[in-house]
Protein backbone atom coordinates (compact mmCIF):
# COMPACT_ATOMS: atom_id res chain seq x y z
CA MET A 1 23.77 2.18 20.81
CA LYS A 2 21.93 4.73 22.95
CA LYS A 3 20.92 6.73 19.89
CA PHE A 4 18.77 3.81 18.67
CA PHE A 5 16.60 3.67 21.80
CA GLY A 6 14.29 6.33 23.15
CA ASP A 7 12.87 7.13 26.56
CA LYS A 8 9.38 6.41 27.83
CA LYS A 9 8.12 9.71 26.44
CA PHE A 10 9.30 8.80 22.93
CA TYR A 11 7.71 5.34 22.95
CA LYS A 12 4.47 6.69 24.36
CA MET A 13 4.33 9.30 21.60
CA LEU A 14 5.21 6.69 18.96
CA LEU A 15 2.57 4.23 20.17
CA VAL A 16 -0.16 6.89 20.21
CA ILE A 17 0.51 7.68 16.55
CA LEU A 18 1.64 4.25 15.33
CA LEU A 19 -0.81 1.83 16.94
CA PRO A 20 -4.00 3.14 15.26
CA ILE A 21 -2.25 3.14 11.86
CA LEU A 22 -0.70 -0.30 12.39
CA LEU A 23 -3.90 -1.81 13.78
CA GLN A 24 -5.99 -0.47 10.90
CA GLN A 25 -3.57 -1.69 8.25
CA PHE A 26 -3.06 -5.03 9.98
CA ILE A 27 -6.81 -5.65 10.24
CA THR A 28 -7.26 -4.45 6.65
CA GLN A 29 -4.73 -6.93 5.31
CA PHE A 30 -5.96 -9.70 7.59
CA VAL A 31 -9.51 -9.28 6.27
CA ASN A 32 -8.12 -9.02 2.73
CA MET A 33 -6.55 -12.39 3.40
CA ILE A 34 -9.95 -13.78 4.47
CA ASP A 35 -11.45 -12.11 1.38
CA ASN A 36 -8.92 -13.85 -0.87
CA ILE A 37 -9.51 -17.14 0.89
CA MET A 38 -13.26 -16.83 0.20
CA VAL A 39 -12.59 -16.00 -3.46
CA GLY A 40 -10.15 -18.92 -3.52
CA ARG A 41 -12.93 -21.20 -2.28
CA VAL A 42 -14.93 -20.31 -5.42
CA GLY A 43 -12.23 -21.75 -7.66
CA ASN A 44 -8.64 -21.57 -8.85
CA ASP A 45 -9.40 -19.58 -12.04
CA GLU A 46 -11.45 -17.08 -10.05
CA MET A 47 -8.62 -16.62 -7.56
CA ILE A 48 -6.08 -15.95 -10.33
CA GLY A 49 -8.44 -13.64 -12.28
CA VAL A 50 -9.03 -11.47 -9.22
CA SER A 51 -5.30 -11.49 -8.48
CA LEU A 52 -4.42 -10.22 -11.98
CA ALA A 53 -7.11 -7.53 -11.89
CA ASN A 54 -5.78 -6.38 -8.53
CA GLN A 55 -2.29 -6.09 -10.02
CA LEU A 56 -3.66 -3.40 -12.37
CA LEU A 57 -5.80 -1.69 -9.71
CA PHE A 58 -2.71 -1.67 -7.49
CA VAL A 59 -1.04 0.80 -9.89
CA LEU A 60 -3.93 3.28 -9.72
CA MET A 61 -4.27 2.89 -5.96
CA LEU A 62 -0.59 3.61 -5.37
CA GLY A 63 -0.79 6.57 -7.76
CA ILE A 64 -3.51 8.07 -5.55
CA PHE A 65 -1.53 7.16 -2.44
CA GLY A 66 1.55 8.87 -3.88
CA ALA A 67 -0.43 12.02 -4.68
CA MET A 68 -1.89 12.15 -1.17
CA SER A 69 1.53 11.47 0.36
CA GLY A 70 3.17 14.23 -1.65
CA ALA A 71 0.60 16.75 -0.47
CA SER A 72 0.88 15.37 3.08
CA ILE A 73 4.58 16.25 3.18
CA PHE A 74 3.46 19.86 2.99
CA GLY A 75 0.39 19.30 5.19
CA SER A 76 2.49 17.87 8.03
CA GLN A 77 4.97 20.72 7.86
CA PHE A 78 2.22 23.37 7.54
CA PHE A 79 0.61 21.93 10.66
CA GLY A 80 3.94 21.92 12.50
CA ALA A 81 4.46 25.56 11.46
CA GLN A 82 0.82 26.42 12.41
CA ASP A 83 0.11 27.76 8.89
CA LYS A 84 -3.65 27.29 8.39
CA GLU A 85 -3.87 28.85 4.93
CA GLY A 86 -1.05 26.70 3.57
CA TYR A 87 -2.59 23.60 5.16
CA GLN A 88 -5.91 24.25 3.42
CA GLU A 89 -4.18 24.78 0.09
CA SER A 90 -2.59 21.33 0.41
CA PHE A 91 -6.04 19.86 1.25
CA ARG A 92 -7.62 21.35 -1.87
CA PHE A 93 -4.67 20.20 -3.97
CA LYS A 94 -5.42 16.61 -2.93
CA TRP A 95 -8.85 16.91 -4.53
CA LEU A 96 -7.44 18.33 -7.75
CA ILE A 97 -4.69 15.78 -8.31
CA GLY A 98 -6.79 12.83 -7.11
CA LEU A 99 -9.68 13.47 -9.52
CA ILE A 100 -7.24 13.85 -12.41
CA LEU A 101 -5.65 10.49 -11.56
CA ILE A 102 -8.99 8.68 -11.42
CA ALA A 103 -9.96 10.11 -14.82
CA ILE A 104 -6.67 8.94 -16.34
CA GLY A 105 -7.02 5.51 -14.71
CA CYS A 106 -10.53 4.99 -16.10
CA ALA A 107 -9.40 6.13 -19.57
CA ILE A 108 -6.72 3.42 -19.56
CA LEU A 109 -8.30 0.50 -17.69
CA PHE A 110 -11.74 0.41 -19.32
CA PRO A 111 -10.72 0.21 -23.01
CA LEU A 112 -7.51 -1.78 -22.50
CA SER A 113 -8.62 -4.38 -19.93
CA ASP A 114 -8.33 -7.31 -22.38
CA GLU A 115 -4.77 -6.42 -23.35
CA LEU A 116 -3.60 -5.59 -19.82
CA ILE A 117 -4.95 -8.70 -18.13
CA GLY A 118 -4.14 -10.84 -21.16
CA ALA A 119 -0.47 -9.83 -20.89
CA PHE A 120 -0.16 -12.13 -17.87
CA ILE A 121 -1.84 -15.09 -19.58
CA LYS A 122 1.03 -16.34 -21.66
CA GLY A 123 3.47 -19.19 -21.85
CA VAL A 124 2.25 -22.31 -20.13
CA GLU A 125 -1.30 -21.81 -18.91
CA GLY A 126 -0.88 -24.31 -16.13
CA GLU A 127 -2.21 -27.77 -15.48
CA TYR A 128 -4.86 -26.42 -13.12
CA SER A 129 -5.72 -23.06 -14.78
CA ASN A 130 -7.81 -21.95 -17.77
CA GLY A 131 -6.69 -18.72 -19.44
CA GLU A 132 -10.05 -17.77 -20.99
CA ARG A 133 -11.88 -18.12 -17.69
CA VAL A 134 -9.17 -16.16 -15.85
CA LEU A 135 -9.52 -13.28 -18.34
CA GLU A 136 -13.32 -13.24 -18.09
CA VAL A 137 -13.30 -13.18 -14.28
CA GLY A 138 -10.56 -10.56 -14.14
CA LYS A 139 -12.47 -8.15 -16.40
CA GLU A 140 -15.75 -8.52 -14.49
CA TYR A 141 -14.01 -7.85 -11.19
CA LEU A 142 -11.99 -4.92 -12.58
CA TYR A 143 -14.99 -3.03 -13.98
CA ILE A 144 -16.85 -3.05 -10.66
CA MET A 145 -13.81 -2.24 -8.53
CA ILE A 146 -13.08 0.92 -10.53
CA ILE A 147 -16.38 2.35 -9.22
CA GLY A 148 -14.96 2.21 -5.69
CA PHE A 149 -12.04 4.50 -6.44
CA LEU A 150 -13.98 7.75 -5.96
CA PRO A 151 -15.02 6.96 -2.37
CA PHE A 152 -11.50 5.61 -1.79
CA LEU A 153 -10.04 8.95 -2.93
CA ILE A 154 -12.35 11.02 -0.73
CA LYS A 155 -11.58 8.83 2.27
CA GLU A 156 -7.84 9.19 1.65
CA ILE A 157 -8.12 13.00 1.39
CA TYR A 158 -9.79 13.25 4.79
CA ALA A 159 -7.88 10.46 6.54
CA SER A 160 -4.47 11.78 5.47
CA SER A 161 -5.44 15.30 6.53
CA LEU A 162 -6.48 14.13 9.99
CA ARG A 163 -3.27 12.12 10.38
CA GLU A 164 -1.23 15.22 9.56
CA GLN A 165 -2.80 16.72 12.68
CA ARG A 166 -1.79 13.59 14.65
CA GLU A 167 -5.40 12.37 14.70
CA THR A 168 -4.94 8.68 13.85
CA LEU A 169 -7.60 7.08 16.06
CA PHE A 170 -10.80 7.90 14.16
CA PRO A 171 -9.41 7.05 10.71
CA MET A 172 -8.55 3.69 12.26
CA ILE A 173 -12.10 3.27 13.61
CA CYS A 174 -13.55 4.07 10.17
CA GLY A 175 -11.18 1.59 8.58
CA VAL A 176 -12.08 -1.17 11.02
CA VAL A 177 -15.83 -0.63 10.48
CA ALA A 178 -15.32 -0.72 6.72
CA ILE A 179 -13.17 -3.84 6.98
CA PHE A 180 -15.77 -5.82 8.89
CA THR A 181 -18.53 -4.49 6.61
CA ASN A 182 -16.51 -5.83 3.70
CA LEU A 183 -15.99 -9.17 5.44
CA VAL A 184 -19.67 -9.72 6.23
CA LEU A 185 -20.78 -8.64 2.75
CA ASP A 186 -18.14 -10.89 1.18
CA TRP A 187 -19.54 -13.88 3.02
CA ALA A 188 -23.12 -12.90 2.15
CA MET A 189 -22.65 -11.91 -1.49
CA ILE A 190 -20.04 -14.46 -2.59
CA PHE A 191 -21.82 -17.51 -1.18
CA GLY A 192 -25.45 -16.28 -1.04
CA HIS A 193 -26.36 -15.55 2.59
CA LEU A 194 -28.49 -12.91 4.40
CA GLY A 195 -30.97 -12.78 1.53
CA PHE A 196 -28.36 -12.21 -1.21
CA LYS A 197 -28.10 -14.54 -4.17
CA GLU A 198 -24.82 -16.34 -4.72
CA MET A 199 -22.69 -13.92 -6.79
CA GLY A 200 -19.18 -15.34 -6.59
CA VAL A 201 -16.39 -12.95 -7.61
CA ILE A 202 -18.88 -10.23 -8.57
CA GLY A 203 -20.16 -10.27 -5.00
CA ALA A 204 -16.63 -9.79 -3.68
CA ALA A 205 -16.18 -6.71 -5.86
CA TRP A 206 -19.49 -5.12 -4.83
CA ALA A 207 -18.79 -5.85 -1.17
CA THR A 208 -15.53 -3.89 -1.42
CA VAL A 209 -17.21 -0.94 -3.16
CA ILE A 210 -19.97 -0.75 -0.53
CA ALA A 211 -17.43 -0.93 2.30
CA ARG A 212 -15.46 1.95 0.77
CA VAL A 213 -18.62 4.08 0.60
CA VAL A 214 -19.32 3.33 4.28
CA GLU A 215 -15.77 4.32 5.28
CA MET A 216 -15.94 7.52 3.24
CA LEU A 217 -19.26 8.61 4.75
CA MET A 218 -18.06 7.93 8.29
CA ILE A 219 -14.88 9.99 8.09
CA VAL A 220 -16.40 12.90 6.13
CA LEU A 221 -19.41 13.24 8.45
CA TYR A 222 -17.25 12.89 11.58
CA THR A 223 -14.83 15.58 10.42
CA HIS A 224 -17.52 18.12 9.56
CA PHE A 225 -19.64 17.44 12.64
CA ARG A 226 -16.53 18.10 14.79
CA ILE A 227 -15.11 20.90 12.68
CA ARG A 228 -14.51 23.06 15.78
CA LYS A 229 -11.89 20.55 16.86
CA TYR A 230 -10.12 20.58 13.51
CA VAL A 231 -9.34 24.27 13.26
CA PHE A 232 -7.14 23.84 10.21
CA LEU A 233 -10.09 22.52 8.19
CA GLN A 234 -12.54 25.26 9.17
CA GLY A 235 -13.70 27.08 6.03
CA VAL A 236 -11.61 24.86 3.76
CA TYR A 237 -14.32 24.89 1.03
CA LYS A 238 -14.74 28.67 0.96
CA LYS A 239 -12.30 28.50 -1.93
CA LEU A 240 -12.56 25.72 -4.51
CA TYR A 241 -9.26 26.37 -6.24
CA VAL A 242 -5.58 26.21 -5.47
CA SER A 243 -3.38 29.20 -6.23
CA PHE A 244 -1.10 28.76 -9.22
CA LYS A 245 1.91 29.53 -7.02
CA ASN A 246 1.06 26.69 -4.65
CA ILE A 247 0.17 24.28 -7.48
CA ARG A 248 3.69 24.73 -8.84
CA LYS A 249 5.19 24.25 -5.39
CA PHE A 250 3.09 21.18 -4.61
CA LEU A 251 3.66 19.58 -8.01
CA ALA A 252 7.43 20.01 -7.63
CA LYS A 253 7.28 17.47 -4.79
CA THR A 254 4.07 15.59 -5.47
CA PHE A 255 4.69 14.74 -9.11
CA PRO A 256 8.03 12.96 -8.49
CA LEU A 257 6.56 11.10 -5.50
CA MET A 258 3.42 10.16 -7.43
CA GLY A 259 5.59 9.11 -10.36
CA ASN A 260 7.69 7.03 -7.98
CA GLU A 261 4.65 5.21 -6.59
CA ILE A 262 3.24 4.57 -10.07
CA LEU A 263 6.55 3.38 -11.50
CA TRP A 264 7.17 1.25 -8.40
CA SER A 265 3.75 -0.40 -8.68
CA ILE A 266 4.17 -0.93 -12.44
CA GLY A 267 7.59 -2.39 -11.70
CA MET A 268 6.14 -4.81 -9.15
CA THR A 269 3.44 -5.74 -11.67
CA LEU A 270 6.10 -6.40 -14.32
CA VAL A 271 7.95 -8.65 -11.88
CA VAL A 272 4.78 -10.74 -11.59
CA ASN A 273 4.47 -10.57 -15.38
CA CYS A 274 8.01 -11.99 -15.72
CA LEU A 275 7.15 -14.80 -13.32
CA SER A 276 4.01 -15.60 -15.33
CA ILE A 277 6.38 -17.04 -17.96
CA ARG A 278 6.45 -20.06 -15.66
CA GLY A 279 2.67 -20.48 -16.06
CA LEU A 280 -0.58 -19.47 -14.35
CA ASP A 281 -0.11 -22.07 -11.62
CA VAL A 282 2.92 -20.09 -10.43
CA ILE A 283 0.76 -16.94 -10.31
CA GLY A 284 -1.74 -18.86 -8.20
CA ALA A 285 0.96 -19.80 -5.68
CA ILE A 286 2.33 -16.23 -5.62
CA ASN A 287 -1.17 -14.87 -5.03
CA ILE A 288 -1.59 -17.12 -1.98
CA ARG A 289 1.87 -16.04 -0.77
CA ASN A 290 0.99 -12.35 -1.19
CA THR A 291 -2.31 -12.87 0.61
CA VAL A 292 -0.41 -13.91 3.73
CA THR A 293 2.69 -11.70 3.49
CA ASN A 294 0.64 -8.52 2.98
CA VAL A 295 -0.66 -8.95 6.52
CA PHE A 296 2.88 -8.53 7.81
CA ILE A 297 4.50 -6.02 5.47
CA VAL A 298 2.13 -3.40 6.88
CA THR A 299 4.71 -3.12 9.67
CA GLY A 300 7.02 -1.18 7.39
CA ASN A 301 4.21 0.89 5.88
CA SER A 302 2.78 1.76 9.30
CA VAL A 303 6.06 2.73 10.95
CA GLY A 304 6.92 4.65 7.80
CA ALA A 305 3.63 6.57 7.86
CA ALA A 306 4.08 7.35 11.56
CA SER A 307 7.67 8.45 10.86
CA GLY A 308 6.47 10.86 8.18
CA ILE A 309 3.99 12.45 10.58
CA ILE A 310 6.42 12.73 13.50
CA LEU A 311 9.44 13.91 11.52
CA GLY A 312 7.38 16.19 9.24
CA ASN A 313 5.92 17.99 12.26
CA LEU A 314 9.39 18.39 13.81
CA ILE A 315 10.95 19.70 10.60
CA GLY A 316 8.04 22.12 10.07
CA ALA A 317 8.53 23.40 13.63
CA GLY A 318 12.23 24.02 12.92
CA LYS A 319 13.50 21.14 15.11
CA SER A 320 15.83 19.48 12.60
CA GLU A 321 18.31 18.14 15.16
CA GLU A 322 15.54 16.47 17.13
CA ALA A 323 14.12 15.02 13.89
CA HIS A 324 17.51 13.53 13.00
CA ALA A 325 17.92 11.95 16.44
CA THR A 326 14.36 10.60 16.30
CA SER A 327 14.94 8.91 12.92
CA TYR A 328 17.34 6.35 14.45
CA LYS A 329 14.82 5.39 17.11
CA LEU A 330 12.10 4.95 14.51
CA ILE A 331 14.26 2.60 12.43
CA SER A 332 15.20 0.42 15.42
CA SER A 333 11.55 0.27 16.53
CA ALA A 334 10.51 -0.92 13.07
CA ILE A 335 13.13 -3.69 13.05
CA LEU A 336 12.19 -4.98 16.50
CA ILE A 337 8.50 -5.20 15.53
CA SER A 338 9.34 -6.96 12.26
CA LEU A 339 11.46 -9.63 13.98
CA VAL A 340 8.49 -10.65 16.12
CA LEU A 341 6.14 -10.76 13.11
CA THR A 342 8.63 -12.85 11.12
CA LEU A 343 7.97 -15.77 13.47
CA PHE A 344 4.18 -15.45 13.12
CA GLU A 345 4.41 -15.32 9.31
CA PHE A 346 6.59 -18.44 9.24
CA LEU A 347 4.10 -20.35 11.40
CA LEU A 348 1.12 -19.28 9.26
CA SER A 349 2.76 -20.83 6.20
CA TYR A 350 1.69 -24.23 7.57
CA VAL A 351 -1.97 -23.24 7.94
CA ILE A 352 -3.35 -20.65 5.51
CA PRO A 353 -2.50 -22.17 2.09
CA GLU A 354 -4.36 -25.36 2.99
CA ILE A 355 -7.64 -23.42 3.08
CA PHE A 356 -7.58 -22.48 -0.62
CA ASN A 357 -9.58 -24.52 -3.12
CA THR A 358 -6.69 -25.37 -5.44
CA SER A 359 -4.21 -28.14 -6.21
CA GLU A 360 -1.76 -29.68 -3.74
CA GLU A 361 1.12 -28.60 -5.96
CA ILE A 362 0.09 -24.92 -5.85
CA ILE A 363 -0.45 -25.13 -2.07
CA ALA A 364 2.97 -26.68 -1.52
CA SER A 365 4.67 -23.93 -3.58
CA ALA A 366 2.74 -21.23 -1.70
CA GLU A 367 3.84 -22.62 1.67
CA ARG A 368 7.51 -22.51 0.69
CA LEU A 369 7.14 -19.01 -0.79
CA ILE A 370 5.63 -17.71 2.47
CA ARG A 371 8.51 -19.12 4.53
CA ALA A 372 11.02 -17.48 2.20
CA SER A 373 9.19 -14.15 2.46
CA SER A 374 9.15 -14.31 6.26
CA ILE A 375 12.95 -14.42 6.29
CA LEU A 376 13.09 -11.25 4.17
CA LEU A 377 10.49 -9.30 6.21
CA PRO A 378 13.00 -7.34 8.39
CA ILE A 379 14.84 -6.18 5.26
CA PHE A 380 11.60 -4.90 3.74
CA VAL A 381 10.58 -3.10 6.93
CA PHE A 382 14.01 -1.45 7.29
CA ASN A 383 13.98 -0.21 3.68
CA THR A 384 10.39 1.03 3.86
CA THR A 385 11.06 3.03 7.02
CA CYS A 386 14.16 4.59 5.43
CA TYR A 387 12.07 5.48 2.37
CA PHE A 388 9.46 7.34 4.43
CA ILE A 389 12.17 9.16 6.40
CA LEU A 390 13.94 10.33 3.24
CA ARG A 391 10.78 11.65 1.66
CA CYS A 392 9.43 13.57 4.68
CA GLY A 393 11.93 16.35 3.96
CA GLY A 394 10.95 16.53 0.30
CA LYS A 395 14.07 14.84 -1.14
CA MET A 396 12.16 13.41 -4.10
CA LEU A 397 15.11 12.43 -6.30
CA LEU A 398 16.59 10.42 -3.44
CA THR A 399 13.35 8.56 -2.80
CA PHE A 400 12.83 8.00 -6.53
CA GLY A 401 16.25 6.40 -6.89
CA PHE A 402 15.91 4.44 -3.66
CA ASP A 403 12.49 3.03 -4.55
CA ALA A 404 11.22 2.95 -8.15
CA MET A 405 14.57 3.13 -9.93
CA TYR A 406 15.86 0.20 -7.89
CA ILE A 407 12.90 -1.97 -8.93
CA TRP A 408 13.50 -1.23 -12.62
CA ALA A 409 17.29 -1.46 -12.50
CA VAL A 410 17.60 -4.52 -10.26
CA ARG A 411 14.45 -6.53 -9.54
CA ILE A 412 12.89 -6.61 -13.03
CA PRO A 413 16.09 -7.70 -14.88
CA ILE A 414 16.77 -10.42 -12.29
CA ALA A 415 13.17 -11.68 -12.50
CA PHE A 416 13.15 -11.69 -16.32
CA ILE A 417 16.52 -13.38 -16.77
CA LEU A 418 15.97 -16.07 -14.14
CA ALA A 419 12.37 -16.80 -15.20
CA LYS A 420 13.05 -16.96 -18.94
CA TYR A 421 16.56 -18.36 -19.21
CA THR A 422 16.88 -20.69 -16.22
CA ASN A 423 14.91 -23.56 -14.73
CA ILE A 424 15.59 -22.76 -11.08
CA ASP A 425 12.86 -23.45 -8.56
CA ILE A 426 10.27 -20.67 -8.18
CA VAL A 427 11.07 -20.24 -4.47
CA LEU A 428 14.77 -19.74 -5.12
CA LEU A 429 13.86 -17.41 -7.99
CA CYS A 430 11.74 -15.20 -5.71
CA LEU A 431 14.45 -15.24 -3.04
CA CYS A 432 16.97 -13.96 -5.57
CA VAL A 433 14.61 -11.23 -6.82
CA GLU A 434 13.45 -9.98 -3.43
CA GLY A 435 16.67 -10.74 -1.55
CA ALA A 436 18.51 -8.29 -3.82
CA ASP A 437 16.89 -5.56 -1.66
CA ILE A 438 19.56 -6.18 0.98
CA LEU A 439 21.75 -3.81 -1.04
CA LYS A 440 19.23 -1.04 -0.32
CA THR A 441 19.64 -1.41 3.44
CA PHE A 442 23.20 -0.09 3.32
CA VAL A 443 22.28 2.80 1.03
CA GLY A 444 19.18 3.64 3.09
CA TYR A 445 21.05 3.80 6.39
CA ILE A 446 23.85 5.95 4.95
CA LEU A 447 21.36 8.46 3.52
CA VAL A 448 19.37 8.67 6.77
CA ASP A 449 22.57 8.96 8.82
CA LYS A 450 23.93 11.84 6.71
CA GLY A 451 20.75 13.84 7.38
CA ILE A 452 20.55 15.28 3.87
CA TRP A 453 16.78 14.72 3.99
CA LEU A 454 16.34 17.32 6.76
CA ARG A 455 14.77 20.12 4.77
CA LYS A 456 12.07 22.58 5.81
CA LEU A 457 9.65 23.23 2.94
CA VAL A 458 7.22 25.73 4.52
């Protein structure tokens, strides 16, 4: 058991890197929850329309995240190896691949918004939901939110680059400022305060875009005003291209990871699409559930991100044995944190759904869904941490099979078959779909334990 617990030095190092990431993501999701509650106060159709639009935006966002993460695998190892030129090449590559992704996203989402959102509005509309209104609201929200993806990309380029250098505090500060900017503007623009007219869902979208611009400006200006501190970014724009040799090397790892994130997010969207067979009222309950659970699943994402930084630096510095030993401690730390948060999520199930402006039936379903999700939280956190550990050494096929392929091979078929061909309760249905991830815990631990992910790329 000793290998699962570190000394004071380890936990101090982990907290320095993890806490800013965890705090930023936790606050982000908490304010997103408040954001969704405010949209939910506008009306049930508005809440569902925004939810469906976000399902589509989720795919593009995770595509960008996957591209940044793929480049960050190299960035972390370049920093560990003290290779400035290689680090700057990975920085410039983030710009190249990110802009291409946004262009592709716009080319798909703008002309096909009716078909994509309409794909969820099928079967039984729901006693409390109107399909035409849901589609109208979803399109309006989607068109404005796409504008915010450019500042989101730029922020991610800089924030991920600073984190690779173990600078996690200021990205957190920028995120917190943006979060509270978004919260205040949501209140003002949705309901008509501080001199703004009442804009409803449109106000929520513009508030998010403005907050993203604020966050982008803060982190870009901070980085360049303190460029002497960030030696690896000095002179990064003296060249505006990436060498063909490095593009091939980066794409070999980034493309599979980006493809994994996109296929995973599409897979999760298709799971929701399968559940929409049961009607829009079910989607309303699932949206409320997700609003709450997203506050807590950041545990896995945060520990995973910190694991990638720590282990990537160690592998880049040639300390593979230390990286392997550290991986066990990171997994146990993630589980301990998730067990505490499970209790808080369970308790919130009795409070948050009641705030939404929707039917008692939808609220009751949401409460039960949240309690079911709280039970599964440690499994999610364990699997997410294993995923980040496997990918930090560039083992893309492993991570692809462990993540995206599992969604398509297991979750989607279970969701489709149970939703279409059975009448089981929606809570039991979701437990079967998401509980199937327990199989991944055994596979994830075996792969981490074998150490086949320990691979130096630079």
